[in-house]
Amino acid sequence: LKQSVTCQHLFLFPGFSLDSGRSLTKKGQLTVVAGAPRANHSGAVVLLKTGGDTSTILLKEYILEGEGLASSFGYDLAVLDLNKDG
């Protein structure tokens, strides 16, 4: 997991796939998960959190990068609670 990326081409096709859920990274916090299948030529999934007192700003929290060239990581995604902890 990376928390900061400097590549200007990270977000090619941002939001190609989207989902959201609560308590993914912090209890009770809403997290938006966005796929960017062309980021850095291998794809990425970005976890975004709401910023500050307003819910209209989304901030990058984590970035998961694809490992293989042209793998299209982030093309499709789903958020679910496998262990049913809320």
N, C-alpha and C. Protein backbone atom coordinates (compact mmCIF):
# COMPACT_ATOMS: atom_id res chain seq x y z
N LEU A 1 0.84 -1.18 0.00
CA LEU A 1 0.00 0.00 0.00
C LEU A 1 0.87 1.24 0.00
N LYS A 2 0.50 2.19 -0.80
CA LYS A 2 1.23 3.45 -0.83
C LYS A 2 0.29 4.57 -0.43
N GLN A 3 0.82 5.56 0.25
CA GLN A 3 -0.01 6.69 0.65
C GLN A 3 0.26 7.92 -0.19
N SER A 4 1.32 7.94 -0.96
CA SER A 4 1.56 9.07 -1.84
C SER A 4 2.24 8.58 -3.11
N VAL A 5 1.82 9.14 -4.22
CA VAL A 5 2.39 8.79 -5.51
C VAL A 5 2.63 10.08 -6.27
N THR A 6 3.77 10.20 -6.92
CA THR A 6 4.10 11.45 -7.59
C THR A 6 3.85 11.40 -9.09
N CYS A 7 3.56 10.25 -9.64
CA CYS A 7 3.36 10.13 -11.09
C CYS A 7 2.12 10.89 -11.52
N GLN A 8 2.28 11.76 -12.52
CA GLN A 8 1.16 12.56 -12.98
C GLN A 8 0.12 11.74 -13.75
N HIS A 9 0.49 10.55 -14.20
CA HIS A 9 -0.43 9.73 -14.98
C HIS A 9 -1.11 8.64 -14.15
N LEU A 10 -1.08 8.78 -12.84
CA LEU A 10 -1.66 7.75 -11.98
C LEU A 10 -3.14 7.54 -12.26
N PHE A 11 -3.88 8.61 -12.47
CA PHE A 11 -5.32 8.49 -12.53
C PHE A 11 -5.87 8.46 -13.96
N LEU A 12 -5.26 7.67 -14.83
CA LEU A 12 -5.85 7.47 -16.14
C LEU A 12 -7.07 6.58 -15.98
N PHE A 13 -8.19 7.04 -16.47
CA PHE A 13 -9.50 6.40 -16.30
C PHE A 13 -9.89 6.32 -14.83
N PRO A 14 -9.76 7.41 -14.06
CA PRO A 14 -10.18 7.34 -12.65
C PRO A 14 -11.68 7.13 -12.56
N GLY A 15 -12.09 6.33 -11.62
CA GLY A 15 -13.51 6.09 -11.44
C GLY A 15 -14.10 5.16 -12.48
N PHE A 16 -13.26 4.45 -13.20
CA PHE A 16 -13.74 3.48 -14.19
C PHE A 16 -14.67 2.49 -13.50
N SER A 17 -14.30 2.10 -12.29
CA SER A 17 -15.18 1.29 -11.44
C SER A 17 -15.20 1.96 -10.07
N LEU A 18 -16.37 2.01 -9.45
CA LEU A 18 -16.53 2.68 -8.16
C LEU A 18 -17.36 1.83 -7.22
N ASP A 19 -17.04 1.93 -5.94
CA ASP A 19 -17.84 1.31 -4.89
C ASP A 19 -17.53 2.07 -3.61
N SER A 20 -18.28 1.83 -2.58
CA SER A 20 -18.02 2.49 -1.30
C SER A 20 -18.48 1.60 -0.16
N GLY A 21 -17.99 1.91 1.02
CA GLY A 21 -18.38 1.17 2.20
C GLY A 21 -17.92 1.88 3.46
N ARG A 22 -18.53 1.54 4.56
CA ARG A 22 -18.14 2.11 5.85
C ARG A 22 -17.22 1.14 6.58
N SER A 23 -16.33 1.70 7.36
CA SER A 23 -15.41 0.94 8.23
C SER A 23 -14.42 0.08 7.45
N LEU A 24 -14.05 0.48 6.25
CA LEU A 24 -13.03 -0.27 5.50
C LEU A 24 -11.64 0.01 6.05
N THR A 25 -11.36 1.26 6.37
CA THR A 25 -10.04 1.62 6.89
C THR A 25 -10.10 2.18 8.31
N LYS A 26 -11.26 2.71 8.69
CA LYS A 26 -11.44 3.27 10.03
C LYS A 26 -12.90 3.08 10.43
N LYS A 27 -13.13 2.64 11.64
CA LYS A 27 -14.48 2.33 12.13
C LYS A 27 -15.43 3.51 11.90
N GLY A 28 -16.52 3.26 11.19
CA GLY A 28 -17.56 4.26 10.96
C GLY A 28 -17.30 5.23 9.83
N GLN A 29 -16.10 5.26 9.28
CA GLN A 29 -15.75 6.21 8.23
C GLN A 29 -16.13 5.67 6.86
N LEU A 30 -16.71 6.53 6.03
CA LEU A 30 -17.05 6.16 4.66
C LEU A 30 -15.78 6.18 3.80
N THR A 31 -15.58 5.13 3.03
CA THR A 31 -14.45 5.05 2.10
C THR A 31 -15.00 4.80 0.71
N VAL A 32 -14.54 5.60 -0.25
CA VAL A 32 -14.89 5.40 -1.66
C VAL A 32 -13.71 4.70 -2.31
N VAL A 33 -13.99 3.64 -3.05
CA VAL A 33 -12.95 2.85 -3.72
C VAL A 33 -13.11 3.07 -5.22
N ALA A 34 -12.03 3.55 -5.86
CA ALA A 34 -12.08 3.87 -7.29
C ALA A 34 -11.00 3.10 -8.04
N GLY A 35 -11.39 2.49 -9.13
CA GLY A 35 -10.43 1.79 -9.98
C GLY A 35 -9.93 2.70 -11.08
N ALA A 36 -8.64 2.57 -11.41
CA ALA A 36 -8.02 3.31 -12.50
C ALA A 36 -7.18 2.32 -13.31
N PRO A 37 -7.80 1.56 -14.21
CA PRO A 37 -7.13 0.44 -14.86
C PRO A 37 -5.96 0.78 -15.78
N ARG A 38 -5.79 2.05 -16.13
CA ARG A 38 -4.66 2.41 -16.99
C ARG A 38 -3.56 3.16 -16.24
N ALA A 39 -3.68 3.29 -14.94
CA ALA A 39 -2.69 4.02 -14.15
C ALA A 39 -1.33 3.34 -14.24
N ASN A 40 -0.30 4.10 -14.57
CA ASN A 40 1.07 3.60 -14.65
C ASN A 40 1.20 2.33 -15.50
N HIS A 41 0.34 2.19 -16.49
CA HIS A 41 0.37 1.08 -17.44
C HIS A 41 0.04 -0.29 -16.83
N SER A 42 -0.30 -0.34 -15.55
CA SER A 42 -0.64 -1.62 -14.93
C SER A 42 -1.93 -1.55 -14.12
N GLY A 43 -2.42 -0.35 -13.85
CA GLY A 43 -3.66 -0.17 -13.12
C GLY A 43 -3.45 0.12 -11.65
N ALA A 44 -4.49 0.65 -11.02
CA ALA A 44 -4.44 0.97 -9.60
C ALA A 44 -5.85 1.02 -9.04
N VAL A 45 -5.93 0.85 -7.73
CA VAL A 45 -7.17 1.04 -6.98
C VAL A 45 -6.85 2.06 -5.90
N VAL A 46 -7.69 3.09 -5.80
CA VAL A 46 -7.46 4.18 -4.86
C VAL A 46 -8.57 4.18 -3.83
N LEU A 47 -8.20 4.20 -2.55
CA LEU A 47 -9.16 4.32 -1.46
C LEU A 47 -9.18 5.78 -1.03
N LEU A 48 -10.36 6.38 -1.07
CA LEU A 48 -10.52 7.80 -0.76
C LEU A 48 -11.37 7.96 0.49
N LYS A 49 -11.03 8.95 1.32
CA LYS A 49 -11.82 9.24 2.51
C LYS A 49 -12.36 10.65 2.39
N THR A 50 -13.44 10.93 3.11
CA THR A 50 -13.98 12.27 3.12
C THR A 50 -13.05 13.18 3.90
N GLY A 51 -12.95 14.43 3.45
CA GLY A 51 -12.00 15.35 4.07
C GLY A 51 -12.65 16.35 5.00
N GLY A 52 -12.10 16.47 6.18
CA GLY A 52 -12.52 17.49 7.13
C GLY A 52 -13.97 17.42 7.55
N ASP A 53 -14.56 18.58 7.69
CA ASP A 53 -15.94 18.69 8.16
C ASP A 53 -16.96 18.52 7.05
N THR A 54 -16.50 18.51 5.82
CA THR A 54 -17.43 18.41 4.70
C THR A 54 -17.28 17.06 4.00
N SER A 55 -18.35 16.57 3.49
CA SER A 55 -18.30 15.28 2.79
C SER A 55 -18.18 15.47 1.28
N THR A 56 -17.95 16.71 0.83
CA THR A 56 -17.84 16.96 -0.61
C THR A 56 -16.41 16.87 -1.13
N ILE A 57 -15.45 16.72 -0.23
CA ILE A 57 -14.04 16.61 -0.62
C ILE A 57 -13.56 15.19 -0.34
N LEU A 58 -12.91 14.57 -1.32
CA LEU A 58 -12.34 13.23 -1.13
C LEU A 58 -10.82 13.33 -1.17
N LEU A 59 -10.17 12.68 -0.21
CA LEU A 59 -8.71 12.69 -0.10
C LEU A 59 -8.17 11.28 -0.30
N LYS A 60 -7.03 11.16 -0.99
CA LYS A 60 -6.40 9.85 -1.18
C LYS A 60 -5.95 9.33 0.17
N GLU A 61 -6.34 8.10 0.48
CA GLU A 61 -5.90 7.48 1.72
C GLU A 61 -4.89 6.36 1.44
N TYR A 62 -5.21 5.49 0.49
CA TYR A 62 -4.32 4.40 0.10
C TYR A 62 -4.38 4.21 -1.40
N ILE A 63 -3.29 3.73 -1.96
CA ILE A 63 -3.23 3.40 -3.38
C ILE A 63 -2.64 2.00 -3.52
N LEU A 64 -3.38 1.12 -4.16
CA LEU A 64 -2.89 -0.23 -4.45
C LEU A 64 -2.57 -0.26 -5.93
N GLU A 65 -1.36 -0.62 -6.28
CA GLU A 65 -0.94 -0.61 -7.68
C GLU A 65 -0.87 -2.02 -8.25
N GLY A 66 -1.24 -2.14 -9.53
CA GLY A 66 -1.13 -3.42 -10.22
C GLY A 66 0.33 -3.79 -10.42
N GLU A 67 0.60 -5.08 -10.53
CA GLU A 67 1.99 -5.53 -10.63
C GLU A 67 2.43 -5.84 -12.05
N GLY A 68 1.50 -6.18 -12.92
CA GLY A 68 1.89 -6.59 -14.27
C GLY A 68 1.57 -5.54 -15.32
N LEU A 69 2.45 -5.41 -16.30
CA LEU A 69 2.24 -4.49 -17.40
C LEU A 69 0.94 -4.84 -18.12
N ALA A 70 0.10 -3.86 -18.32
CA ALA A 70 -1.19 -4.02 -19.01
C ALA A 70 -2.14 -4.98 -18.29
N SER A 71 -2.02 -5.10 -16.98
CA SER A 71 -2.89 -6.02 -16.23
C SER A 71 -4.28 -5.46 -15.99
N SER A 72 -4.46 -4.15 -16.18
CA SER A 72 -5.75 -3.48 -15.98
C SER A 72 -6.28 -3.66 -14.56
N PHE A 73 -5.39 -3.70 -13.59
CA PHE A 73 -5.78 -3.78 -12.19
C PHE A 73 -6.70 -2.61 -11.88
N GLY A 74 -7.83 -2.87 -11.27
CA GLY A 74 -8.81 -1.84 -10.97
C GLY A 74 -9.93 -1.75 -11.99
N TYR A 75 -9.90 -2.62 -12.99
CA TYR A 75 -10.94 -2.63 -14.02
C TYR A 75 -12.31 -2.87 -13.41
N ASP A 76 -12.37 -3.76 -12.45
CA ASP A 76 -13.62 -4.09 -11.77
C ASP A 76 -13.30 -4.30 -10.30
N LEU A 77 -14.22 -3.93 -9.44
CA LEU A 77 -14.00 -4.11 -8.01
C LEU A 77 -15.33 -4.24 -7.29
N ALA A 78 -15.27 -4.76 -6.08
CA ALA A 78 -16.45 -4.89 -5.22
C ALA A 78 -16.01 -4.75 -3.77
N VAL A 79 -16.84 -4.10 -2.99
CA VAL A 79 -16.58 -3.93 -1.55
C VAL A 79 -17.56 -4.84 -0.82
N LEU A 80 -17.03 -5.67 0.09
CA LEU A 80 -17.90 -6.53 0.88
C LEU A 80 -17.26 -6.82 2.23
N ASP A 81 -18.07 -7.23 3.17
CA ASP A 81 -17.63 -7.51 4.53
C ASP A 81 -17.53 -9.03 4.71
N LEU A 82 -16.35 -9.57 4.48
CA LEU A 82 -16.17 -11.02 4.53
C LEU A 82 -16.32 -11.60 5.93
N ASN A 83 -15.88 -10.87 6.94
CA ASN A 83 -15.95 -11.41 8.30
C ASN A 83 -17.15 -10.87 9.10
N LYS A 84 -18.02 -10.12 8.45
CA LYS A 84 -19.27 -9.63 9.04
C LYS A 84 -19.05 -8.88 10.36
N ASP A 85 -18.03 -8.01 10.37
CA ASP A 85 -17.77 -7.23 11.59
C ASP A 85 -18.31 -5.81 11.52
N GLY A 86 -19.09 -5.54 10.50
CA GLY A 86 -19.75 -4.25 10.45
C GLY A 86 -19.33 -3.40 9.35
